[in-house]
PDB file of N, CA and C in Angstrom:
ATOM      1  N   UNK A   1     -14.544   8.351  -6.790  1.00  0.00           N
ATOM      2  CA  UNK A   1     -14.104   8.137  -5.508  1.00  0.00           C
ATOM      3  C   UNK A   1     -12.550   8.085  -5.797  1.00  0.00           C
ATOM      4  N   UNK A   2     -11.180   8.589  -6.786  1.00  0.00           N
ATOM      5  CA  UNK A   2     -10.399   8.718  -6.611  1.00  0.00           C
ATOM      6  C   UNK A   2      -9.743  10.168  -7.130  1.00  0.00           C
ATOM      7  N   UNK A   3      -9.462  10.909  -6.382  1.00  0.00           N
ATOM      8  CA  UNK A   3      -8.193  12.164  -6.724  1.00  0.00           C
ATOM      9  C   UNK A   3      -7.292  11.826  -7.235  1.00  0.00           C
ATOM     10  N   UNK A   4      -7.101  11.472  -8.529  1.00  0.00           N
ATOM     11  CA  UNK A   4      -6.161  11.745  -8.857  1.00  0.00           C
ATOM     12  C   UNK A   4      -5.125  12.553  -9.603  1.00  0.00           C
ATOM     13  N   UNK A   5      -3.956  13.282  -9.262  1.00  0.00           N
ATOM     14  CA  UNK A   5      -3.308  13.984  -9.975  1.00  0.00           C
ATOM     15  C   UNK A   5      -2.196  14.009 -11.194  1.00  0.00           C
ATOM     16  N   UNK A   6      -2.841  14.344 -12.098  1.00  0.00           N
ATOM     17  CA  UNK A   6      -1.766  13.495 -13.398  1.00  0.00           C
ATOM     18  C   UNK A   6      -0.623  14.042 -13.494  1.00  0.00           C
ATOM     19  N   UNK A   7      -0.660  15.435 -13.043  1.00  0.00           N
ATOM     20  CA  UNK A   7       0.843  16.443 -12.769  1.00  0.00           C
ATOM     21  C   UNK A   7       1.707  16.135 -11.597  1.00  0.00           C
ATOM     22  N   UNK A   8       0.744  14.931 -10.927  1.00  0.00           N
ATOM     23  CA  UNK A   8       1.872  14.983  -9.399  1.00  0.00           C
ATOM     24  C   UNK A   8       3.511  14.477  -9.868  1.00  0.00           C
ATOM     25  N   UNK A   9       4.662  14.801  -9.040  1.00  0.00           N
ATOM     26  CA  UNK A   9       5.191  13.970  -9.100  1.00  0.00           C
ATOM     27  C   UNK A   9       4.922  12.928  -8.481  1.00  0.00           C
ATOM     28  N   UNK A  10       4.337  12.583  -7.790  1.00  0.00           N
ATOM     29  CA  UNK A  10       4.041  10.837  -7.231  1.00  0.00           C
ATOM     30  C   UNK A  10       3.667  10.280  -8.020  1.00  0.00           C
ATOM     31  N   UNK A  11       3.917   8.666  -8.433  1.00  0.00           N
ATOM     32  CA  UNK A  11       3.418   7.908  -9.182  1.00  0.00           C
ATOM     33  C   UNK A  11       1.929   7.670  -8.982  1.00  0.00           C
ATOM     34  N   UNK A  12       1.279   7.730 -10.274  1.00  0.00           N
ATOM     35  CA  UNK A  12      -0.589   7.072  -9.527  1.00  0.00           C
ATOM     36  C   UNK A  12      -0.706   5.993  -8.901  1.00  0.00           C
ATOM     37  N   UNK A  13       0.113   4.949  -9.193  1.00  0.00           N
ATOM     38  CA  UNK A  13      -0.602   3.814  -8.131  1.00  0.00           C
ATOM     39  C   UNK A  13       0.225   3.805  -7.030  1.00  0.00           C
ATOM     40  N   UNK A  14       1.060   4.527  -6.757  1.00  0.00           N
ATOM     41  CA  UNK A  14       1.225   5.283  -5.854  1.00  0.00           C
ATOM     42  C   UNK A  14      -0.053   6.550  -4.588  1.00  0.00           C
ATOM     43  N   UNK A  15      -0.514   7.678  -5.382  1.00  0.00           N
ATOM     44  CA  UNK A  15      -1.474   8.023  -5.457  1.00  0.00           C
ATOM     45  C   UNK A  15      -2.859   7.190  -5.065  1.00  0.00           C
ATOM     46  N   UNK A  16      -3.280   5.528  -5.999  1.00  0.00           N
ATOM     47  CA  UNK A  16      -4.310   4.809  -5.863  1.00  0.00           C
ATOM     48  C   UNK A  16      -4.087   4.158  -4.139  1.00  0.00           C
ATOM     49  N   UNK A  17      -2.629   3.856  -4.083  1.00  0.00           N
ATOM     50  CA  UNK A  17      -2.677   2.846  -3.235  1.00  0.00           C
ATOM     51  C   UNK A  17      -2.909   3.786  -1.688  1.00  0.00           C
ATOM     52  N   UNK A  18      -2.443   5.134  -1.807  1.00  0.00           N
ATOM     53  CA  UNK A  18      -2.213   6.149  -0.556  1.00  0.00           C
ATOM     54  C   UNK A  18      -4.458   6.197   0.175  1.00  0.00           C
ATOM     55  N   UNK A  19      -5.224   6.235  -1.389  1.00  0.00           N
ATOM     56  CA  UNK A  19      -6.100   6.858  -0.852  1.00  0.00           C
ATOM     57  C   UNK A  19      -7.139   5.130  -0.577  1.00  0.00           C
ATOM     58  N   UNK A  20      -6.494   4.097  -0.860  1.00  0.00           N
ATOM     59  CA  UNK A  20      -7.168   3.037  -0.679  1.00  0.00           C
ATOM     60  C   UNK A  20      -6.990   2.372   0.535  1.00  0.00           C
ATOM     61  N   UNK A  21      -5.739   2.948   0.988  1.00  0.00           N
ATOM     62  CA  UNK A  21      -5.629   2.943   2.463  1.00  0.00           C
ATOM     63  C   UNK A  21      -5.950   3.389   3.774  1.00  0.00           C
ATOM     64  N   UNK A  22      -6.152   5.106   3.039  1.00  0.00           N
ATOM     65  CA  UNK A  22      -6.936   5.909   3.519  1.00  0.00           C
ATOM     66  C   UNK A  22      -8.413   5.743   3.961  1.00  0.00           C
ATOM     67  N   UNK A  23      -9.422   4.793   2.769  1.00  0.00           N
ATOM     68  CA  UNK A  23     -10.365   4.906   2.595  1.00  0.00           C
ATOM     69  C   UNK A  23     -10.819   3.754   3.299  1.00  0.00           C
ATOM     70  N   UNK A  24      -9.740   2.540   3.608  1.00  0.00           N
ATOM     71  CA  UNK A  24      -9.770   1.809   4.689  1.00  0.00           C
ATOM     72  C   UNK A  24      -9.758   2.020   6.071  1.00  0.00           C
ATOM     73  N   UNK A  25      -8.959   2.767   6.327  1.00  0.00           N
ATOM     74  CA  UNK A  25      -8.585   3.363   7.720  1.00  0.00           C
ATOM     75  C   UNK A  25     -10.043   4.249   8.126  1.00  0.00           C
ATOM     76  N   UNK A  26     -10.725   4.600   7.522  1.00  0.00           N
ATOM     77  CA  UNK A  26     -11.609   5.963   7.294  1.00  0.00           C
ATOM     78  C   UNK A  26     -13.054   5.056   7.582  1.00  0.00           C
ATOM     79  N   UNK A  27     -13.049   3.812   7.320  1.00  0.00           N
ATOM     80  CA  UNK A  27     -13.887   3.020   7.071  1.00  0.00           C
ATOM     81  C   UNK A  27     -14.894   3.331   5.969  1.00  0.00           C
ATOM     82  N   UNK A  28     -14.856   3.807   4.846  1.00  0.00           N
ATOM     83  CA  UNK A  28     -15.469   4.378   3.662  1.00  0.00           C
ATOM     84  C   UNK A  28     -15.563   2.249   2.975  1.00  0.00           C
ATOM     85  N   UNK A  29     -13.932   1.862   3.052  1.00  0.00           N
ATOM     86  CA  UNK A  29     -14.188   0.638   2.873  1.00  0.00           C
ATOM     87  C   UNK A  29     -14.026  -0.407   3.854  1.00  0.00           C
ATOM     88  N   UNK A  30     -14.915  -1.674   3.741  1.00  0.00           N
ATOM     89  CA  UNK A  30     -14.494  -2.138   4.857  1.00  0.00           C
ATOM     90  C   UNK A  30     -13.714  -3.782   4.312  1.00  0.00           C
ATOM     91  N   UNK A  31     -13.360  -4.354   5.097  1.00  0.00           N
ATOM     92  CA  UNK A  31     -13.352  -6.324   4.960  1.00  0.00           C
ATOM     93  C   UNK A  31     -14.510  -6.793   4.438  1.00  0.00           C
ATOM     94  N   UNK A  32     -13.769  -7.197   3.206  1.00  0.00           N
ATOM     95  CA  UNK A  32     -14.667  -7.615   2.065  1.00  0.00           C
ATOM     96  C   UNK A  32     -15.438  -6.652   1.375  1.00  0.00           C
ATOM     97  N   UNK A  33     -15.599  -5.930   1.043  1.00  0.00           N
ATOM     98  CA  UNK A  33     -15.733  -4.626   0.345  1.00  0.00           C
ATOM     99  C   UNK A  33     -15.074  -5.122  -1.530  1.00  0.00           C
ATOM    100  N   UNK A  34     -15.608  -5.367  -2.505  1.00  0.00           N
ATOM    101  CA  UNK A  34     -15.060  -5.228  -3.765  1.00  0.00           C
ATOM    102  C   UNK A  34     -15.035  -3.903  -4.103  1.00  0.00           C
ATOM    103  N   UNK A  35     -13.454  -4.148  -4.556  1.00  0.00           N
ATOM    104  CA  UNK A  35     -13.273  -2.802  -5.381  1.00  0.00           C
ATOM    105  C   UNK A  35     -13.381  -2.573  -7.015  1.00  0.00           C
ATOM    106  N   UNK A  36     -13.441  -1.655  -7.358  1.00  0.00           N
ATOM    107  CA  UNK A  36     -13.714  -1.439  -8.837  1.00  0.00           C
ATOM    108  C   UNK A  36     -12.671  -2.159  -9.502  1.00  0.00           C
ATOM    109  N   UNK A  37     -12.897  -2.949 -10.980  1.00  0.00           N
ATOM    110  CA  UNK A  37     -12.132  -3.733 -11.862  1.00  0.00           C
ATOM    111  C   UNK A  37     -11.194  -2.772 -11.743  1.00  0.00           C
ATOM    112  N   UNK A  38      -9.985  -3.471 -12.323  1.00  0.00           N
ATOM    113  CA  UNK A  38      -8.930  -2.713 -13.032  1.00  0.00           C
ATOM    114  C   UNK A  38      -9.263  -1.787 -14.193  1.00  0.00           C
ATOM    115  N   UNK A  39     -10.006  -2.337 -14.779  1.00  0.00           N
ATOM    116  CA  UNK A  39     -10.788  -2.102 -16.208  1.00  0.00           C
ATOM    117  C   UNK A  39     -11.375  -0.664 -15.730  1.00  0.00           C
ATOM    118  N   UNK A  40     -12.551  -0.807 -15.256  1.00  0.00           N
ATOM    119  CA  UNK A  40     -13.397   0.678 -14.557  1.00  0.00           C
ATOM    120  C   UNK A  40     -12.681   1.128 -13.653  1.00  0.00           C
ATOM    121  N   UNK A  41     -11.683   0.820 -13.223  1.00  0.00           N
ATOM    122  CA  UNK A  41     -10.942   2.355 -11.891  1.00  0.00           C
ATOM    123  C   UNK A  41     -10.394   2.975 -13.552  1.00  0.00           C
ATOM    124  N   UNK A  42      -9.680   2.013 -13.680  1.00  0.00           N
ATOM    125  CA  UNK A  42      -8.590   2.529 -15.287  1.00  0.00           C
ATOM    126  C   UNK A  42      -9.573   3.982 -16.318  1.00  0.00           C
ATOM    127  N   UNK A  43     -10.681   3.262 -16.821  1.00  0.00           N
ATOM    128  CA  UNK A  43     -12.049   4.365 -17.718  1.00  0.00           C
ATOM    129  C   UNK A  43     -11.997   5.102 -16.954  1.00  0.00           C
ATOM    130  N   UNK A  44     -12.348   4.858 -15.378  1.00  0.00           N
ATOM    131  CA  UNK A  44     -13.217   5.991 -14.836  1.00  0.00           C
ATOM    132  C   UNK A  44     -12.044   7.564 -14.551  1.00  0.00           C
ATOM    133  N   UNK A  45     -10.854   7.072 -14.308  1.00  0.00           N
ATOM    134  CA  UNK A  45      -9.668   7.826 -14.554  1.00  0.00           C
ATOM    135  C   UNK A  45      -9.103   8.223 -15.472  1.00  0.00           C
ATOM    136  N   UNK A  46      -9.138   7.695 -16.656  1.00  0.00           N
ATOM    137  CA  UNK A  46      -8.126   7.579 -18.066  1.00  0.00           C
ATOM    138  C   UNK A  46      -6.911   7.728 -17.640  1.00  0.00           C
ATOM    139  N   UNK A  47      -6.577   6.850 -16.750  1.00  0.00           N
ATOM    140  CA  UNK A  47      -5.185   6.120 -16.665  1.00  0.00           C
ATOM    141  C   UNK A  47      -4.840   4.783 -17.439  1.00  0.00           C
ATOM    142  N   UNK A  48      -3.848   4.405 -17.421  1.00  0.00           N
ATOM    143  CA  UNK A  48      -4.020   2.882 -17.931  1.00  0.00           C
ATOM    144  C   UNK A  48      -3.994   1.480 -17.082  1.00  0.00           C
ATOM    145  N   UNK A  49      -4.372   0.814 -17.655  1.00  0.00           N
ATOM    146  CA  UNK A  49      -4.820  -0.274 -16.619  1.00  0.00           C
ATOM    147  C   UNK A  49      -3.814  -0.295 -16.117  1.00  0.00           C
ATOM    148  N   UNK A  50      -2.964  -1.281 -16.575  1.00  0.00           N
ATOM    149  CA  UNK A  50      -1.294  -1.507 -15.773  1.00  0.00           C
ATOM    150  C   UNK A  50      -1.394  -0.773 -14.561  1.00  0.00           C
ATOM    151  N   UNK A  51      -1.391   0.145 -14.618  1.00  0.00           N
ATOM    152  CA  UNK A  51      -1.521   1.177 -13.623  1.00  0.00           C
ATOM    153  C   UNK A  51      -2.056   0.806 -12.032  1.00  0.00           C
ATOM    154  N   UNK A  52      -3.398   0.796 -12.575  1.00  0.00           N
ATOM    155  CA  UNK A  52      -3.676   0.300 -11.311  1.00  0.00           C
ATOM    156  C   UNK A  52      -3.880  -1.165 -10.933  1.00  0.00           C
ATOM    157  N   UNK A  53      -3.684  -2.080 -11.632  1.00  0.00           N
ATOM    158  CA  UNK A  53      -3.142  -3.531 -11.992  1.00  0.00           C
ATOM    159  C   UNK A  53      -1.779  -3.131 -10.282  1.00  0.00           C
ATOM    160  N   UNK A  54      -1.070  -2.365 -11.325  1.00  0.00           N
ATOM    161  CA  UNK A  54      -0.104  -1.978 -10.635  1.00  0.00           C
ATOM    162  C   UNK A  54      -0.009  -1.780  -8.102  1.00  0.00           C
ATOM    163  N   UNK A  55      -0.468  -0.916  -8.274  1.00  0.00           N
ATOM    164  CA  UNK A  55      -1.680  -0.373  -7.332  1.00  0.00           C
ATOM    165  C   UNK A  55      -2.299  -1.630  -6.471  1.00  0.00           C
ATOM    166  N   UNK A  56      -3.198  -2.459  -6.915  1.00  0.00           N
ATOM    167  CA  UNK A  56      -3.575  -3.705  -6.611  1.00  0.00           C
ATOM    168  C   UNK A  56      -2.145  -4.406  -5.977  1.00  0.00           C
ATOM    169  N   UNK A  57      -1.812  -4.658  -7.240  1.00  0.00           N
ATOM    170  CA  UNK A  57      -0.586  -6.220  -6.695  1.00  0.00           C
ATOM    171  C   UNK A  57       0.340  -5.156  -5.361  1.00  0.00           C
ATOM    172  N   UNK A  58       0.568  -3.948  -5.176  1.00  0.00           N
ATOM    173  CA  UNK A  58       1.254  -3.091  -3.829  1.00  0.00           C
ATOM    174  C   UNK A  58       0.534  -3.956  -3.090  1.00  0.00           C
ATOM    175  N   UNK A  59      -0.700  -3.487  -3.277  1.00  0.00           N
ATOM    176  CA  UNK A  59      -1.719  -3.275  -2.360  1.00  0.00           C
ATOM    177  C   UNK A  59      -1.772  -4.867  -1.454  1.00  0.00           C
ATOM    178  N   UNK A  60      -1.809  -6.345  -2.565  1.00  0.00           N
ATOM    179  CA  UNK A  60      -1.823  -7.240  -2.457  1.00  0.00           C
ATOM    180  C   UNK A  60      -0.463  -7.394  -1.634  1.00  0.00           C
ATOM    181  N   UNK A  61       0.386  -7.212  -1.689  1.00  0.00           N
ATOM    182  CA  UNK A  61       1.790  -7.386  -1.027  1.00  0.00           C
ATOM    183  C   UNK A  61       1.734  -6.974   0.036  1.00  0.00           C
ATOM    184  N   UNK A  62       1.321  -6.165   0.696  1.00  0.00           N
ATOM    185  CA  UNK A  62       0.811  -5.849   1.880  1.00  0.00           C
ATOM    186  C   UNK A  62      -0.397  -6.196   2.469  1.00  0.00           C
ATOM    187  N   UNK A  63      -1.114  -7.092   2.318  1.00  0.00           N
ATOM    188  CA  UNK A  63      -2.008  -7.603   2.475  1.00  0.00           C
ATOM    189  C   UNK A  63      -3.163  -6.963   2.790  1.00  0.00           C
ATOM    190  N   UNK A  64      -3.425  -5.579   2.331  1.00  0.00           N
ATOM    191  CA  UNK A  64      -4.897  -4.669   2.363  1.00  0.00           C
ATOM    192  C   UNK A  64      -5.831  -5.051   1.354  1.00  0.00           C
ATOM    193  N   UNK A  65      -5.195  -5.726   0.676  1.00  0.00           N
ATOM    194  CA  UNK A  65      -6.280  -6.720  -0.468  1.00  0.00           C
ATOM    195  C   UNK A  65      -6.385  -7.791  -0.742  1.00  0.00           C
ATOM    196  N   UNK A  66      -6.977  -8.239  -1.262  1.00  0.00           N
ATOM    197  CA  UNK A  66      -6.557 -10.427  -1.962  1.00  0.00           C
ATOM    198  C   UNK A  66      -7.680 -10.087  -3.026  1.00  0.00           C
ATOM    199  N   UNK A  67      -6.914 -10.796  -3.761  1.00  0.00           N
ATOM    200  CA  UNK A  67      -7.198 -11.156  -5.325  1.00  0.00           C
ATOM    201  C   UNK A  67      -7.977 -12.381  -5.732  1.00  0.00           C
ATOM    202  N   UNK A  68      -9.053 -12.442  -5.487  1.00  0.00           N
ATOM    203  CA  UNK A  68      -9.992 -13.522  -5.800  1.00  0.00           C
ATOM    204  C   UNK A  68     -10.264 -14.178  -7.148  1.00  0.00           C
ATOM    205  N   UNK A  69      -9.501 -15.270  -7.966  1.00  0.00           N
ATOM    206  CA  UNK A  69      -9.459 -14.885  -8.753  1.00  0.00           C
ATOM    207  C   UNK A  69     -10.850 -14.896  -9.676  1.00  0.00           C
ATOM    208  N   UNK A  70     -11.014 -14.793 -10.815  1.00  0.00           N
ATOM    209  CA  UNK A  70     -11.966 -14.288 -11.842  1.00  0.00           C
ATOM    210  C   UNK A  70     -13.444 -13.641 -11.020  1.00  0.00           C
ATOM    211  N   UNK A  71     -13.126 -13.292  -9.676  1.00  0.00           N
ATOM    212  CA  UNK A  71     -13.960 -12.200  -9.232  1.00  0.00           C
ATOM    213  C   UNK A  71     -14.031 -11.131  -9.140  1.00  0.00           C
ATOM    214  N   UNK A  72     -12.781 -10.843  -8.749  1.00  0.00           N
ATOM    215  CA  UNK A  72     -12.111  -9.166  -8.700  1.00  0.00           C
ATOM    216  C   UNK A  72     -11.407  -9.199  -6.698  1.00  0.00           C
ATOM    217  N   UNK A  73     -10.996  -8.378  -6.650  1.00  0.00           N
ATOM    218  CA  UNK A  73     -10.074  -7.507  -5.696  1.00  0.00           C
ATOM    219  C   UNK A  73     -10.889  -7.145  -5.009  1.00  0.00           C
ATOM    220  N   UNK A  74     -10.776  -7.525  -3.116  1.00  0.00           N
ATOM    221  CA  UNK A  74     -11.490  -7.172  -2.344  1.00  0.00           C
ATOM    222  C   UNK A  74     -10.264  -6.908  -1.175  1.00  0.00           C
ATOM    223  N   UNK A  75     -11.189  -6.311  -0.636  1.00  0.00           N
ATOM    224  CA  UNK A  75     -10.531  -5.064   1.154  1.00  0.00           C
ATOM    225  C   UNK A  75      -9.800  -6.501   2.156  1.00  0.00           C
ATOM    226  N   UNK A  76      -9.047  -6.731   2.318  1.00  0.00           N
ATOM    227  CA  UNK A  76      -8.439  -7.779   3.492  1.00  0.00           C
ATOM    228  C   UNK A  76      -8.530  -7.426   4.625  1.00  0.00           C
ATOM    229  N   UNK A  77      -9.189  -8.344   5.424  1.00  0.00           N
ATOM    230  CA  UNK A  77      -9.468  -8.054   6.784  1.00  0.00           C
ATOM    231  C   UNK A  77      -7.613  -7.408   7.397  1.00  0.00           C
ATOM    232  N   UNK A  78      -7.899  -6.107   8.365  1.00  0.00           N
ATOM    233  CA  UNK A  78      -7.014  -5.812   8.955  1.00  0.00           C
ATOM    234  C   UNK A  78      -7.032  -5.919   9.990  1.00  0.00           C
ATOM    235  N   UNK A  79      -5.476  -5.898  10.934  1.00  0.00           N
ATOM    236  CA  UNK A  79      -4.768  -6.312  11.637  1.00  0.00           C
ATOM    237  C   UNK A  79      -5.404  -4.538  12.600  1.00  0.00           C
ATOM    238  N   UNK A  80      -6.144  -4.873  13.937  1.00  0.00           N
ATOM    239  CA  UNK A  80      -6.673  -3.800  14.431  1.00  0.00           C
ATOM    240  C   UNK A  80      -5.416  -3.620  15.322  1.00  0.00           C
ATOM    241  N   UNK A  81      -4.981  -4.253  15.639  1.00  0.00           N
ATOM    242  CA  UNK A  81      -3.939  -4.717  16.944  1.00  0.00           C
ATOM    243  C   UNK A  81      -2.421  -3.086  16.352  1.00  0.00           C
ATOM    244  N   UNK A  82      -2.284  -3.904  15.190  1.00  0.00           N
ATOM    245  CA  UNK A  82      -1.238  -3.118  14.524  1.00  0.00           C
ATOM    246  C   UNK A  82      -1.536  -2.079  13.427  1.00  0.00           C
ATOM    247  N   UNK A  83      -2.708  -1.304  13.364  1.00  0.00           N
ATOM    248  CA  UNK A  83      -3.012  -0.429  12.959  1.00  0.00           C
ATOM    249  C   UNK A  83      -2.109   0.418  11.614  1.00  0.00           C
ATOM    250  N   UNK A  84      -0.837   0.388  11.856  1.00  0.00           N
ATOM    251  CA  UNK A  84       0.016   1.169  10.623  1.00  0.00           C
ATOM    252  C   UNK A  84       0.929  -0.062  10.283  1.00  0.00           C
ATOM    253  N   UNK A  85       0.290  -1.093  10.258  1.00  0.00           N
ATOM    254  CA  UNK A  85       1.278  -2.610   9.368  1.00  0.00           C
ATOM    255  C   UNK A  85       1.001  -2.508   8.264  1.00  0.00           C
ATOM    256  N   UNK A  86       0.002  -2.335   7.928  1.00  0.00           N
ATOM    257  CA  UNK A  86       0.315  -2.242   6.236  1.00  0.00           C
ATOM    258  C   UNK A  86       0.713  -0.939   5.922  1.00  0.00           C
ATOM    259  N   UNK A  87       1.154   0.104   6.443  1.00  0.00           N
ATOM    260  CA  UNK A  87       1.891   1.467   5.861  1.00  0.00           C
ATOM    261  C   UNK A  87       2.923   1.251   5.842  1.00  0.00           C
ATOM    262  N   UNK A  88       3.534   0.501   6.729  1.00  0.00           N
ATOM    263  CA  UNK A  88       5.082   0.318   7.033  1.00  0.00           C
ATOM    264  C   UNK A  88       5.082  -1.033   6.307  1.00  0.00           C
ATOM    265  N   UNK A  89       4.156  -1.792   5.827  1.00  0.00           N
ATOM    266  CA  UNK A  89       5.222  -2.881   4.781  1.00  0.00           C
ATOM    267  C   UNK A  89       4.943  -2.492   3.480  1.00  0.00           C
ATOM    268  N   UNK A  90       4.404  -1.567   3.068  1.00  0.00           N
ATOM    269  CA  UNK A  90       3.784  -0.515   2.079  1.00  0.00           C
ATOM    270  C   UNK A  90       5.297   0.362   1.855  1.00  0.00           C
ATOM    271  N   UNK A  91       5.967   0.678   2.737  1.00  0.00           N
ATOM    272  CA  UNK A  91       6.994   1.198   2.929  1.00  0.00           C
ATOM    273  C   UNK A  91       8.655   0.610   2.418  1.00  0.00           C
ATOM    274  N   UNK A  92       8.147  -0.508   3.122  1.00  0.00           N
ATOM    275  CA  UNK A  92      10.194  -1.575   3.376  1.00  0.00           C
ATOM    276  C   UNK A  92       9.213  -2.554   1.938  1.00  0.00           C
ATOM    277  N   UNK A  93       7.787  -2.704   1.262  1.00  0.00           N
ATOM    278  CA  UNK A  93       8.157  -3.661   0.060  1.00  0.00           C
ATOM    279  C   UNK A  93       9.164  -2.910  -0.856  1.00  0.00           C
ATOM    280  N   UNK A  94       9.106  -2.445  -1.508  1.00  0.00           N
ATOM    281  CA  UNK A  94      10.270  -2.144  -2.868  1.00  0.00           C
ATOM    282  C   UNK A  94      11.393  -1.538  -2.046  1.00  0.00           C
ATOM    283  N   UNK A  95      11.685  -1.438  -0.823  1.00  0.00           N
ATOM    284  CA  UNK A  95      13.642  -1.708  -0.234  1.00  0.00           C
ATOM    285  C   UNK A  95      13.411  -2.592  -0.287  1.00  0.00           C
ATOM    286  N   UNK A  96      13.183  -4.167   0.314  1.00  0.00           N
ATOM    287  CA  UNK A  96      13.006  -5.119  -0.019  1.00  0.00           C
ATOM    288  C   UNK A  96      13.468  -5.651  -1.962  1.00  0.00           C
ATOM    289  N   UNK A  97      12.480  -5.040  -2.433  1.00  0.00           N
ATOM    290  CA  UNK A  97      12.917  -5.500  -3.768  1.00  0.00           C
ATOM    291  C   UNK A  97      14.595  -4.689  -4.343  1.00  0.00           C
ATOM    292  N   UNK A  98      14.149  -3.362  -3.878  1.00  0.00           N
ATOM    293  CA  UNK A  98      15.508  -3.273  -4.797  1.00  0.00           C
ATOM    294  C   UNK A  98      17.194  -3.498  -4.068  1.00  0.00           C
ATOM    295  N   UNK A  99      16.767  -4.553  -3.109  1.00  0.00           N
ATOM    296  CA  UNK A  99      18.172  -5.422  -2.793  1.00  0.00           C
ATOM    297  C   UNK A  99      18.383  -5.020  -1.008  1.00  0.00           C
ATOM    298  N   UNK A 100      17.931  -4.124  -0.812  1.00  0.00           N
ATOM    299  CA  UNK A 100      17.791  -3.242   0.829  1.00  0.00           C
ATOM    300  C   UNK A 100      18.248  -4.142   1.766  1.00  0.00           C
ATOM    301  N   UNK A 101      18.974  -4.625   2.520  1.00  0.00           N
ATOM    302  CA  UNK A 101      19.019  -6.012   3.525  1.00  0.00           C
ATOM    303  C   UNK A 101      18.503  -5.476   4.790  1.00  0.00           C
ATOM    304  N   UNK A 102      18.275  -6.058   5.442  1.00  0.00           N
ATOM    305  CA  UNK A 102      17.238  -6.102   6.411  1.00  0.00           C
ATOM    306  C   UNK A 102      17.994  -5.351   7.756  1.00  0.00           C
ATOM    307  N   UNK A 103      19.345  -5.796   7.721  1.00  0.00           N
ATOM    308  CA  UNK A 103      20.377  -4.909   9.185  1.00  0.00           C
ATOM    309  C   UNK A 103      20.167  -3.538   8.539  1.00  0.00           C
ATOM    310  N   UNK A 104      20.435  -2.809   7.129  1.00  0.00           N
ATOM    311  CA  UNK A 104      20.383  -1.723   6.737  1.00  0.00           C
ATOM    312  C   UNK A 104      19.204  -1.191   7.423  1.00  0.00           C
ATOM    313  N   UNK A 105      18.005  -1.926   7.443  1.00  0.00           N
ATOM    314  CA  UNK A 105      17.529  -1.603   7.343  1.00  0.00           C
ATOM    315  C   UNK A 105      16.899  -1.155   8.459  1.00  0.00           C
ATOM    316  N   UNK A 106      17.420  -1.713   9.579  1.00  0.00           N
ATOM    317  CA  UNK A 106      17.204  -2.173  10.913  1.00  0.00           C
ATOM    318  C   UNK A 106      18.353  -1.131  11.630  1.00  0.00           C
ATOM    319  N   UNK A 107      19.401  -0.619  10.788  1.00  0.00           N
ATOM    320  CA  UNK A 107      20.510  -0.205  11.515  1.00  0.00           C
ATOM    321  C   UNK A 107      19.604   1.744  11.199  1.00  0.00           C
ATOM    322  N   UNK A 108      19.117   2.274  10.238  1.00  0.00           N
ATOM    323  CA  UNK A 108      18.218   3.066   9.814  1.00  0.00           C
ATOM    324  C   UNK A 108      17.233   3.372  10.754  1.00  0.00           C
ATOM    325  N   UNK A 109      16.457   2.871  10.979  1.00  0.00           N
ATOM    326  CA  UNK A 109      15.342   2.650  12.145  1.00  0.00           C
ATOM    327  C   UNK A 109      16.274   3.306  13.026  1.00  0.00           C
ATOM    328  N   UNK A 110      17.077   2.124  14.110  1.00  0.00           N
ATOM    329  CA  UNK A 110      18.055   2.740  14.971  1.00  0.00           C
ATOM    330  C   UNK A 110      18.487   4.242  15.136  1.00  0.00           C
ATOM    331  N   UNK A 111      18.670   4.515  13.939  1.00  0.00           N
ATOM    332  CA  UNK A 111      19.351   5.741  13.766  1.00  0.00           C
ATOM    333  C   UNK A 111      18.368   7.011  13.920  1.00  0.00           C
ATOM    334  N   UNK A 112      16.917   6.597  12.702  1.00  0.00           N
ATOM    335  CA  UNK A 112      16.169   7.720  12.957  1.00  0.00           C
ATOM    336  C   UNK A 112      16.186   7.815  14.270  1.00  0.00           C
ATOM    337  N   UNK A 113      15.047   6.842  15.063  1.00  0.00           N
ATOM    338  CA  UNK A 113      15.197   6.921  16.826  1.00  0.00           C
ATOM    339  C   UNK A 113      16.004   7.575  17.776  1.00  0.00           C
ATOM    340  N   UNK A 114      16.863   7.593  16.887  1.00  0.00           N
ATOM    341  CA  UNK A 114      18.064   8.356  18.154  1.00  0.00           C
ATOM    342  C   UNK A 114      18.537   7.015  19.147  1.00  0.00           C
ATOM    343  N   UNK A 115      18.480   5.908  18.845  1.00  0.00           N
ATOM    344  CA  UNK A 115      18.707   4.639  19.342  1.00  0.00           C
ATOM    345  C   UNK A 115      20.282   4.284  19.696  1.00  0.00           C
ATOM    346  N   UNK A 116      21.354   4.143  20.159  1.00  0.00           N
ATOM    347  CA  UNK A 116      22.586   2.999  19.748  1.00  0.00           C
ATOM    348  C   UNK A 116      22.746   2.356  20.905  1.00  0.00           C
ATOM    349  N   UNK A 117      22.784   0.849  19.739  1.00  0.00           N
ATOM    350  CA  UNK A 117      23.637   0.397  20.621  1.00  0.00           C
ATOM    351  C   UNK A 117      23.782  -0.183  21.873  1.00  0.00           C
ATOM    352  N   UNK A 118      24.465   0.848  22.060  1.00  0.00           N
ATOM    353  CA  UNK A 118      25.135   0.322  23.535  1.00  0.00           C
ATOM    354  C   UNK A 118      24.708   1.209  24.662  1.00  0.00           C
ATOM    355  N   UNK A 119      23.488   2.082  24.193  1.00  0.00           N
ATOM    356  CA  UNK A 119      23.006   2.500  25.504  1.00  0.00           C
ATOM    357  C   UNK A 119      21.899   1.838  26.390  1.00  0.00           C
ATOM    358  N   UNK A 120      22.012   2.485  26.979  1.00  0.00           N
ATOM    359  CA  UNK A 120      20.571   1.570  28.612  1.00  0.00           C
ATOM    360  C   UNK A 120      19.781   2.134  27.925  1.00  0.00           C
ATOM    361  N   UNK A 121      18.295   0.987  27.476  1.00  0.00           N
ATOM    362  CA  UNK A 121      16.873   1.395  27.849  1.00  0.00           C
ATOM    363  C   UNK A 121      16.245   1.462  28.715  1.00  0.00           C
TER     364      UNK A 121
END
C-alpha cells in the first residue's frame, strides 16, 4: 500500500502522512476506514513502529484520522467545504510546536501573497 523511499531526505513519517492524505483525497480511504495497525504497517515496510506511531499522531493532530483506544486508528470525516484545511494544518502544526507565533505566520502569508497592510482590497 505504501511506497516509502528509505533513502529520501524526507522523513519516513512525513512520507506516510502525505501518502495517507493522498489516499483519503483520492477516495482510496474513506471516513470510518480502519488503518493498518502501527505494528502491522511497521513490519510490512521494515520500519520502526515509533515512526508509524508518529505519522498517525501527526495526522490525528490535523484531524485526518482519529484513534479509538484498543480498536485502532480510523479515517476521520473531512470537511468537503475546505478540502485543503488538513494539509494546511499539517504544515502549520510543526511551526506552532517550534514556538513560531501566529502573527509571524500571518505576516509571512501576507508577504507570500503580495498583500500590503496599507493596500486597498
